Amino acid sequence: MQLNYHRAGSGPTLVLLHGIGSQWQVWAPVIGRLARERDVIAVDLPGFGASPAPPPGTPPGPASLAALVAGFLRDELGVERPHVAGNSLGGWISLELAKQERVRSATVLSPAGFHNHWEARFQRASLRAARRGAQLLADRADAVVATPVGRALATGQFVAKPAWLPAAGAAESLRALAGCQWFDDTLAAITSEPFRGGAEIRVPVTIAWGEKDRLLLARQAPRAAQQVPSARMVTLYGCGHVPTFDDPEQVASVLLQGSAE
């Protein structure tokens, strides 16, 4: 299927995958830095951003999304075995691609899939509430996030420093969360079962966790290290669940290091 994407730069190809309810623009703070050394492809996942929903009957979940993304990169862009990086749901998809050796390396930022039962319930409730709030506020998103207080209320669970988030970016994020087509089924899929098979991964993996992640709590990082024993573990200091706005230079450095293999 055809997906919406943004491409910039030159060098080894690095594909960027966003989290649930988001869009490729979440990577905008780091793309300029990455594009000096990488051919960057930031993708809107199927049913999110400006990408269409997949055909009816397509099963939701990271494995299905990984197959759709890999097929798009191969069939539409002629890209096979790129480096990949993902945040949250995008991190889980990246690990699925790594497990299948469809990528040269995977760098994942607070990846989904390492929850226990109670954390899964918390994540499901939090994301449903965020989605409902975004739908209620979407028509007046610009006014809601015009002040630092408004940005903190609207985005504080996702970023550690909401006052640093540009108002236009915050409003765009709210509208993206409100409008995504494949949210409910995808959320149910990613909170019903954890990631499995990390010990099978043979390509280089970097797992970086936001020190101040308020959605996928940082206590999940040791669990991820156990599940993917070959991974290099990194702490994103001062960063929340979506770290690209909190510290673009730190995140870009981790992504470049992770895709240097």
C-alpha atoms as a PDB file:
ATOM      1  CA  MET A   1       0.000   0.000   0.000  1.00  0.00           C
ATOM      2  CA  GLN A   2       1.021   3.620  -0.535  1.00  0.00           C
ATOM      3  CA  LEU A   3       2.049   5.541   2.584  1.00  0.00           C
ATOM      4  CA  ASN A   4       2.658   9.223   3.170  1.00  0.00           C
ATOM      5  CA  TYR A   5       6.285  10.050   3.927  1.00  0.00           C
ATOM      6  CA  HIS A   6       8.911  12.767   4.093  1.00  0.00           C
ATOM      7  CA  ARG A   7      12.417  12.187   2.720  1.00  0.00           C
ATOM      8  CA  ALA A   8      15.555  14.291   3.168  1.00  0.00           C
ATOM      9  CA  GLY A   9      19.338  14.016   3.198  1.00  0.00           C
ATOM     10  CA  SER A  10      21.827  11.521   1.832  1.00  0.00           C
ATOM     11  CA  GLY A  11      23.888   8.600   3.091  1.00  0.00           C
ATOM     12  CA  PRO A  12      22.776   5.293   4.600  1.00  0.00           C
ATOM     13  CA  THR A  13      18.992   5.081   4.714  1.00  0.00           C
ATOM     14  CA  LEU A  14      17.339   5.577   8.108  1.00  0.00           C
ATOM     15  CA  VAL A  15      13.575   5.013   8.347  1.00  0.00           C
ATOM     16  CA  LEU A  16      11.712   6.757  11.185  1.00  0.00           C
ATOM     17  CA  LEU A  17       8.468   5.323  12.617  1.00  0.00           C
ATOM     18  CA  HIS A  18       6.206   7.280  14.993  1.00  0.00           C
ATOM     19  CA  GLY A  19       3.983   6.128  17.844  1.00  0.00           C
ATOM     20  CA  ILE A  20       0.261   5.465  18.018  1.00  0.00           C
ATOM     21  CA  GLY A  21      -1.882   8.490  17.223  1.00  0.00           C
ATOM     22  CA  SER A  22       1.069  10.450  15.865  1.00  0.00           C
ATOM     23  CA  GLN A  23       2.524  11.285  12.431  1.00  0.00           C
ATOM     24  CA  TRP A  24       5.899  11.716  10.749  1.00  0.00           C
ATOM     25  CA  GLN A  25       6.160  15.361  11.851  1.00  0.00           C
ATOM     26  CA  VAL A  26       6.984  14.211  15.385  1.00  0.00           C
ATOM     27  CA  TRP A  27      10.508  13.653  14.020  1.00  0.00           C
ATOM     28  CA  ALA A  28      10.806  17.191  12.618  1.00  0.00           C
ATOM     29  CA  PRO A  29      13.084  18.465  15.430  1.00  0.00           C
ATOM     30  CA  VAL A  30      15.774  15.885  14.566  1.00  0.00           C
ATOM     31  CA  ILE A  31      15.424  15.446  10.797  1.00  0.00           C
ATOM     32  CA  GLY A  32      17.715  18.366   9.903  1.00  0.00           C
ATOM     33  CA  ARG A  33      20.526  16.984  12.070  1.00  0.00           C
ATOM     34  CA  LEU A  34      20.047  13.421  10.804  1.00  0.00           C
ATOM     35  CA  ALA A  35      19.825  14.445   7.155  1.00  0.00           C
ATOM     36  CA  ARG A  36      23.425  15.697   7.197  1.00  0.00           C
ATOM     37  CA  GLU A  37      24.567  12.076   7.511  1.00  0.00           C
ATOM     38  CA  ARG A  38      21.582   9.889   6.570  1.00  0.00           C
ATOM     39  CA  ASP A  39      18.999   9.444   3.836  1.00  0.00           C
ATOM     40  CA  VAL A  40      16.038   9.976   6.183  1.00  0.00           C
ATOM     41  CA  ILE A  41      12.578   8.572   5.413  1.00  0.00           C
ATOM     42  CA  ALA A  42       9.945   9.527   8.006  1.00  0.00           C
ATOM     43  CA  VAL A  43       6.781   7.513   7.401  1.00  0.00           C
ATOM     44  CA  ASP A  44       3.141   7.968   8.401  1.00  0.00           C
ATOM     45  CA  LEU A  45       2.067   4.503   9.558  1.00  0.00           C
ATOM     46  CA  PRO A  46      -1.001   2.940   7.901  1.00  0.00           C
ATOM     47  CA  GLY A  47      -4.150   4.568   9.276  1.00  0.00           C
ATOM     48  CA  PHE A  48      -2.232   7.432  10.901  1.00  0.00           C
ATOM     49  CA  GLY A  49      -1.198  10.896   9.763  1.00  0.00           C
ATOM     50  CA  ALA A  50      -1.918  11.293   6.057  1.00  0.00           C
ATOM     51  CA  SER A  51      -1.567   7.579   5.252  1.00  0.00           C
ATOM     52  CA  PRO A  52      -4.733   5.654   4.365  1.00  0.00           C
ATOM     53  CA  ALA A  53      -6.044   2.845   6.502  1.00  0.00           C
ATOM     54  CA  PRO A  54      -5.089  -0.625   5.298  1.00  0.00           C
ATOM     55  CA  PRO A  55      -7.613  -2.775   3.433  1.00  0.00           C
ATOM     56  CA  PRO A  56     -10.554  -4.145   5.451  1.00  0.00           C
ATOM     57  CA  GLY A  57      -9.687  -7.366   7.202  1.00  0.00           C
ATOM     58  CA  THR A  58      -6.058  -6.425   7.775  1.00  0.00           C
ATOM     59  CA  PRO A  59      -5.186  -7.580  11.309  1.00  0.00           C
ATOM     60  CA  PRO A  60      -4.059  -4.763  13.605  1.00  0.00           C
ATOM     61  CA  GLY A  61      -0.842  -4.889  15.573  1.00  0.00           C
ATOM     62  CA  PRO A  62       2.925  -4.476  15.268  1.00  0.00           C
ATOM     63  CA  ALA A  63       3.589  -7.580  13.150  1.00  0.00           C
ATOM     64  CA  SER A  64       1.017  -6.520  10.561  1.00  0.00           C
ATOM     65  CA  LEU A  65       2.268  -2.923  10.565  1.00  0.00           C
ATOM     66  CA  ALA A  66       5.849  -4.152  10.138  1.00  0.00           C
ATOM     67  CA  ALA A  67       4.831  -6.160   7.062  1.00  0.00           C
ATOM     68  CA  LEU A  68       2.970  -3.180   5.571  1.00  0.00           C
ATOM     69  CA  VAL A  69       5.871  -0.791   6.149  1.00  0.00           C
ATOM     70  CA  ALA A  70       8.455  -3.238   4.783  1.00  0.00           C
ATOM     71  CA  GLY A  71       6.296  -3.840   1.716  1.00  0.00           C
ATOM     72  CA  PHE A  72       5.920  -0.116   1.074  1.00  0.00           C
ATOM     73  CA  LEU A  73       9.637   0.551   1.414  1.00  0.00           C
ATOM     74  CA  ARG A  74      10.509  -2.324  -0.916  1.00  0.00           C
ATOM     75  CA  ASP A  75       7.765  -1.992  -3.532  1.00  0.00           C
ATOM     76  CA  GLU A  76       7.258   1.776  -3.658  1.00  0.00           C
ATOM     77  CA  LEU A  77      10.685   3.183  -2.749  1.00  0.00           C
ATOM     78  CA  GLY A  78      13.006   0.318  -3.666  1.00  0.00           C
ATOM     79  CA  VAL A  79      14.478   0.314  -0.154  1.00  0.00           C
ATOM     80  CA  GLU A  80      15.487  -2.989   1.431  1.00  0.00           C
ATOM     81  CA  ARG A  81      17.235  -3.520   4.770  1.00  0.00           C
ATOM     82  CA  PRO A  82      17.554   0.128   5.847  1.00  0.00           C
ATOM     83  CA  HIS A  83      18.398   1.222   9.349  1.00  0.00           C
ATOM     84  CA  VAL A  84      15.202   1.870  11.294  1.00  0.00           C
ATOM     85  CA  ALA A  85      14.296   3.895  14.359  1.00  0.00           C
ATOM     86  CA  GLY A  86      10.968   4.076  16.132  1.00  0.00           C
ATOM     87  CA  ASN A  87       9.261   5.634  19.110  1.00  0.00           C
ATOM     88  CA  SER A  88       6.626   3.822  21.202  1.00  0.00           C
ATOM     89  CA  LEU A  89       4.519   1.750  18.761  1.00  0.00           C
ATOM     90  CA  GLY A  90       7.099   2.611  16.107  1.00  0.00           C
ATOM     91  CA  GLY A  91       9.742   1.106  18.385  1.00  0.00           C
ATOM     92  CA  TRP A  92       7.848  -2.173  18.634  1.00  0.00           C
ATOM     93  CA  ILE A  93       7.430  -2.252  14.842  1.00  0.00           C
ATOM     94  CA  SER A  94      11.171  -1.622  14.503  1.00  0.00           C
ATOM     95  CA  LEU A  95      11.900  -4.606  16.750  1.00  0.00           C
ATOM     96  CA  GLU A  96       9.602  -6.792  14.645  1.00  0.00           C
ATOM     97  CA  LEU A  97      11.537  -5.734  11.541  1.00  0.00           C
ATOM     98  CA  ALA A  98      14.806  -6.462  13.329  1.00  0.00           C
ATOM     99  CA  LYS A  99      13.553  -9.910  14.372  1.00  0.00           C
ATOM    100  CA  GLN A 100      12.834 -10.678  10.715  1.00  0.00           C
ATOM    101  CA  GLU A 101      16.228  -9.231   9.644  1.00  0.00           C
ATOM    102  CA  ARG A 102      14.484  -6.777   7.319  1.00  0.00           C
ATOM    103  CA  VAL A 103      16.674  -3.950   8.661  1.00  0.00           C
ATOM    104  CA  ARG A 104      20.378  -3.389   9.246  1.00  0.00           C
ATOM    105  CA  SER A 105      19.876  -1.997  12.740  1.00  0.00           C
ATOM    106  CA  ALA A 106      17.058  -0.853  15.007  1.00  0.00           C
ATOM    107  CA  THR A 107      17.116   2.072  17.432  1.00  0.00           C
ATOM    108  CA  VAL A 108      13.996   2.256  19.584  1.00  0.00           C
ATOM    109  CA  LEU A 109      12.895   5.070  21.882  1.00  0.00           C
ATOM    110  CA  SER A 110      10.629   4.017  24.774  1.00  0.00           C
ATOM    111  CA  PRO A 111       9.279   1.100  22.727  1.00  0.00           C
ATOM    112  CA  ALA A 112       5.859  -0.359  23.413  1.00  0.00           C
ATOM    113  CA  GLY A 113       5.522  -4.037  24.202  1.00  0.00           C
ATOM    114  CA  PHE A 114       7.285  -4.415  27.560  1.00  0.00           C
ATOM    115  CA  HIS A 115       4.313  -3.813  29.861  1.00  0.00           C
ATOM    116  CA  ASN A 116       2.908  -6.026  32.566  1.00  0.00           C
ATOM    117  CA  HIS A 117      -0.843  -6.508  33.035  1.00  0.00           C
ATOM    118  CA  TRP A 118      -1.401  -3.408  35.168  1.00  0.00           C
ATOM    119  CA  GLU A 119       0.787  -1.202  32.995  1.00  0.00           C
ATOM    120  CA  ALA A 120      -1.155  -2.339  29.934  1.00  0.00           C
ATOM    121  CA  ARG A 121      -4.411  -1.267  31.592  1.00  0.00           C
ATOM    122  CA  PHE A 122      -2.886   2.095  32.525  1.00  0.00           C
ATOM    123  CA  GLN A 123      -1.554   2.635  28.990  1.00  0.00           C
ATOM    124  CA  ARG A 124      -4.889   1.717  27.410  1.00  0.00           C
ATOM    125  CA  ALA A 125      -6.848   4.042  29.710  1.00  0.00           C
ATOM    126  CA  SER A 126      -4.359   6.895  29.323  1.00  0.00           C
ATOM    127  CA  LEU A 127      -4.282   6.730  25.542  1.00  0.00           C
ATOM    128  CA  ARG A 128      -8.049   6.430  25.233  1.00  0.00           C
ATOM    129  CA  ALA A 129      -8.450   9.492  27.438  1.00  0.00           C
ATOM    130  CA  ALA A 130      -5.845  11.402  25.414  1.00  0.00           C
ATOM    131  CA  ARG A 131      -7.594  10.484  22.189  1.00  0.00           C
ATOM    132  CA  ARG A 132     -10.992  11.573  23.504  1.00  0.00           C
ATOM    133  CA  GLY A 133      -9.544  14.838  24.760  1.00  0.00           C
ATOM    134  CA  ALA A 134      -7.908  15.482  21.388  1.00  0.00           C
ATOM    135  CA  GLN A 135     -11.201  14.887  19.599  1.00  0.00           C
ATOM    136  CA  LEU A 136     -12.967  17.364  21.864  1.00  0.00           C
ATOM    137  CA  LEU A 137     -10.244  20.003  21.456  1.00  0.00           C
ATOM    138  CA  ALA A 138      -9.252  19.531  17.809  1.00  0.00           C
ATOM    139  CA  ASP A 139     -11.409  22.348  16.428  1.00  0.00           C
ATOM    140  CA  ARG A 140      -9.844  24.850  18.827  1.00  0.00           C
ATOM    141  CA  ALA A 141      -6.431  23.267  19.186  1.00  0.00           C
ATOM    142  CA  ASP A 142      -4.527  26.439  18.285  1.00  0.00           C
ATOM    143  CA  ALA A 143      -6.194  28.404  21.082  1.00  0.00           C
ATOM    144  CA  VAL A 144      -5.816  25.594  23.621  1.00  0.00           C
ATOM    145  CA  VAL A 145      -2.042  25.303  23.178  1.00  0.00           C
ATOM    146  CA  ALA A 146      -1.310  28.997  22.729  1.00  0.00           C
ATOM    147  CA  THR A 147       0.034  29.276  26.294  1.00  0.00           C
ATOM    148  CA  PRO A 148       2.613  27.165  28.167  1.00  0.00           C
ATOM    149  CA  VAL A 149      -0.116  26.096  30.612  1.00  0.00           C
ATOM    150  CA  GLY A 150      -2.326  24.934  27.764  1.00  0.00           C
ATOM    151  CA  ARG A 151       0.521  22.959  26.215  1.00  0.00           C
ATOM    152  CA  ALA A 152       1.293  21.358  29.571  1.00  0.00           C
ATOM    153  CA  LEU A 153      -2.321  20.243  30.021  1.00  0.00           C
ATOM    154  CA  ALA A 154      -2.596  18.954  26.458  1.00  0.00           C
ATOM    155  CA  THR A 155       0.779  17.237  26.072  1.00  0.00           C
ATOM    156  CA  GLY A 156       2.298  16.836  29.526  1.00  0.00           C
ATOM    157  CA  GLN A 157       1.975  13.058  29.596  1.00  0.00           C
ATOM    158  CA  PHE A 158       3.962  12.729  26.396  1.00  0.00           C
ATOM    159  CA  VAL A 159       6.729  15.322  26.677  1.00  0.00           C
ATOM    160  CA  ALA A 160       8.772  16.246  29.732  1.00  0.00           C
ATOM    161  CA  LYS A 161       9.127  19.905  28.757  1.00  0.00           C
ATOM    162  CA  PRO A 162       5.800  20.934  27.198  1.00  0.00           C
ATOM    163  CA  ALA A 163       6.674  24.630  27.450  1.00  0.00           C
ATOM    164  CA  TRP A 164       9.453  23.978  24.915  1.00  0.00           C
ATOM    165  CA  LEU A 165       7.010  22.491  22.428  1.00  0.00           C
ATOM    166  CA  PRO A 166       6.140  25.002  19.687  1.00  0.00           C
ATOM    167  CA  ALA A 167       2.466  25.912  19.792  1.00  0.00           C
ATOM    168  CA  ALA A 168       1.998  25.003  16.133  1.00  0.00           C
ATOM    169  CA  GLY A 169       3.540  21.581  16.713  1.00  0.00           C
ATOM    170  CA  ALA A 170       1.362  20.952  19.764  1.00  0.00           C
ATOM    171  CA  ALA A 171      -1.799  21.865  17.848  1.00  0.00           C
ATOM    172  CA  GLU A 172      -0.751  19.659  14.936  1.00  0.00           C
ATOM    173  CA  SER A 173      -0.156  16.748  17.306  1.00  0.00           C
ATOM    174  CA  LEU A 174      -3.618  17.154  18.851  1.00  0.00           C
ATOM    175  CA  ARG A 175      -5.279  17.144  15.438  1.00  0.00           C
ATOM    176  CA  ALA A 176      -3.289  14.096  14.356  1.00  0.00           C
ATOM    177  CA  LEU A 177      -4.346  12.168  17.458  1.00  0.00           C
ATOM    178  CA  ALA A 178      -7.979  13.177  16.955  1.00  0.00           C
ATOM    179  CA  GLY A 179      -8.075  12.233  13.284  1.00  0.00           C
ATOM    180  CA  CYS A 180      -6.164   8.939  13.009  1.00  0.00           C
ATOM    181  CA  GLN A 181      -8.229   6.147  11.481  1.00  0.00           C
ATOM    182  CA  TRP A 182      -6.720   2.961  12.950  1.00  0.00           C
ATOM    183  CA  PHE A 183      -6.384   3.990  16.581  1.00  0.00           C
ATOM    184  CA  ASP A 184      -8.854   1.803  18.475  1.00  0.00           C
ATOM    185  CA  ASP A 185      -7.967  -1.551  16.911  1.00  0.00           C
ATOM    186  CA  THR A 186      -4.259  -0.795  17.100  1.00  0.00           C
ATOM    187  CA  LEU A 187      -4.450   0.231  20.753  1.00  0.00           C
ATOM    188  CA  ALA A 188      -6.310  -2.957  21.647  1.00  0.00           C
ATOM    189  CA  ALA A 189      -3.685  -5.030  19.824  1.00  0.00           C
ATOM    190  CA  ILE A 190      -0.623  -3.437  21.427  1.00  0.00           C
ATOM    191  CA  THR A 191      -1.992  -3.616  24.974  1.00  0.00           C
ATOM    192  CA  SER A 192      -3.321  -7.174  24.798  1.00  0.00           C
ATOM    193  CA  GLU A 193       0.019  -8.959  24.430  1.00  0.00           C
ATOM    194  CA  PRO A 194       3.684  -8.047  25.021  1.00  0.00           C
ATOM    195  CA  PHE A 195       6.550  -8.169  22.568  1.00  0.00           C
ATOM    196  CA  ARG A 196       8.105 -11.607  22.212  1.00  0.00           C
ATOM    197  CA  GLY A 197      11.118 -13.101  20.478  1.00  0.00           C
ATOM    198  CA  GLY A 198      13.750 -10.535  21.353  1.00  0.00           C
ATOM    199  CA  ALA A 199      16.390 -13.186  21.877  1.00  0.00           C
ATOM    200  CA  GLU A 200      16.043 -14.088  18.190  1.00  0.00           C
ATOM    201  CA  ILE A 201      17.276 -10.683  17.026  1.00  0.00           C
ATOM    202  CA  ARG A 202      20.668 -10.790  15.313  1.00  0.00           C
ATOM    203  CA  VAL A 203      20.992  -7.224  14.018  1.00  0.00           C
ATOM    204  CA  PRO A 204      22.323  -4.391  16.238  1.00  0.00           C
ATOM    205  CA  VAL A 205      19.658  -2.925  18.538  1.00  0.00           C
ATOM    206  CA  THR A 206      19.757   0.188  20.713  1.00  0.00           C
ATOM    207  CA  ILE A 207      16.987   0.687  23.287  1.00  0.00           C
ATOM    208  CA  ALA A 208      16.782   4.243  24.642  1.00  0.00           C
ATOM    209  CA  TRP A 209      14.253   5.118  27.340  1.00  0.00           C
ATOM    210  CA  GLY A 210      13.046   8.532  28.387  1.00  0.00           C
ATOM    211  CA  GLU A 211      14.077   9.151  31.982  1.00  0.00           C
ATOM    212  CA  LYS A 212      10.802  11.032  32.576  1.00  0.00           C
ATOM    213  CA  ASP A 213       8.478   8.868  30.493  1.00  0.00           C
ATOM    214  CA  ARG A 214       5.007   9.190  32.040  1.00  0.00           C
ATOM    215  CA  LEU A 215       3.249   6.782  29.673  1.00  0.00           C
ATOM    216  CA  LEU A 216       5.559   3.790  29.215  1.00  0.00           C
ATOM    217  CA  LEU A 217       7.253   4.110  32.565  1.00  0.00           C
ATOM    218  CA  ALA A 218      11.043   3.874  32.676  1.00  0.00           C
ATOM    219  CA  ARG A 219      10.822   0.822  34.942  1.00  0.00           C
ATOM    220  CA  GLN A 220       9.998  -1.116  31.766  1.00  0.00           C
ATOM    221  CA  ALA A 221      13.534  -0.549  30.449  1.00  0.00           C
ATOM    222  CA  PRO A 222      15.147  -3.385  32.504  1.00  0.00           C
ATOM    223  CA  ARG A 223      12.412  -5.689  31.210  1.00  0.00           C
ATOM    224  CA  ALA A 224      13.292  -4.695  27.648  1.00  0.00           C
ATOM    225  CA  ALA A 225      16.958  -5.396  28.359  1.00  0.00           C
ATOM    226  CA  GLN A 226      16.054  -8.910  29.496  1.00  0.00           C
ATOM    227  CA  GLN A 227      13.830  -9.549  26.500  1.00  0.00           C
ATOM    228  CA  VAL A 228      16.392  -8.265  23.976  1.00  0.00           C
ATOM    229  CA  PRO A 229      19.655  -9.383  25.607  1.00  0.00           C
ATOM    230  CA  SER A 230      21.846  -8.206  22.734  1.00  0.00           C
ATOM    231  CA  ALA A 231      20.573  -4.612  22.927  1.00  0.00           C
ATOM    232  CA  ARG A 232      22.640  -1.613  23.935  1.00  0.00           C
ATOM    233  CA  MET A 233      20.717   0.279  26.634  1.00  0.00           C
ATOM    234  CA  VAL A 234      20.660   4.085  26.804  1.00  0.00           C
ATOM    235  CA  THR A 235      18.912   6.564  29.097  1.00  0.00           C
ATOM    236  CA  LEU A 236      17.484   9.711  27.502  1.00  0.00           C
ATOM    237  CA  TYR A 237      18.110  12.156  30.323  1.00  0.00           C
ATOM    238  CA  GLY A 238      15.444  14.773  30.917  1.00  0.00           C
ATOM    239  CA  CYS A 239      13.199  13.304  28.218  1.00  0.00           C
ATOM    240  CA  GLY A 240       9.612  12.111  28.248  1.00  0.00           C
ATOM    241  CA  HIS A 241       7.789   9.535  26.161  1.00  0.00           C
ATOM    242  CA  VAL A 242       8.155  11.519  22.929  1.00  0.00           C
ATOM    243  CA  PRO A 243      11.737  12.754  23.332  1.00  0.00           C
ATOM    244  CA  THR A 244      12.291  14.535  20.020  1.00  0.00           C
ATOM    245  CA  PHE A 245      10.874  17.801  21.370  1.00  0.00           C
ATOM    246  CA  ASP A 246      12.549  17.532  24.784  1.00  0.00           C
ATOM    247  CA  ASP A 247      16.145  17.199  23.582  1.00  0.00           C
ATOM    248  CA  PRO A 248      16.612  16.996  19.797  1.00  0.00           C
ATOM    249  CA  GLU A 249      20.414  16.924  19.980  1.00  0.00           C
ATOM    250  CA  GLN A 250      20.494  14.050  22.469  1.00  0.00           C
ATOM    251  CA  VAL A 251      17.973  12.060  20.431  1.00  0.00           C
ATOM    252  CA  ALA A 252      19.735  12.712  17.120  1.00  0.00           C
ATOM    253  CA  SER A 253      23.039  11.588  18.631  1.00  0.00           C
ATOM    254  CA  VAL A 254      21.488   8.301  19.809  1.00  0.00           C
ATOM    255  CA  LEU A 255      19.887   7.711  16.395  1.00  0.00           C
ATOM    256  CA  LEU A 256      23.148   8.356  14.542  1.00  0.00           C
ATOM    257  CA  GLN A 257      25.107   6.102  16.864  1.00  0.00           C
ATOM    258  CA  GLY A 258      22.505   3.353  16.596  1.00  0.00           C
ATOM    259  CA  SER A 259      22.526   3.455  12.794  1.00  0.00           C
ATOM    260  CA  ALA A 260      26.306   3.602  12.448  1.00  0.00           C
ATOM    261  CA  GLU A 261      26.774  -0.176  12.275  1.00  0.00           C
END
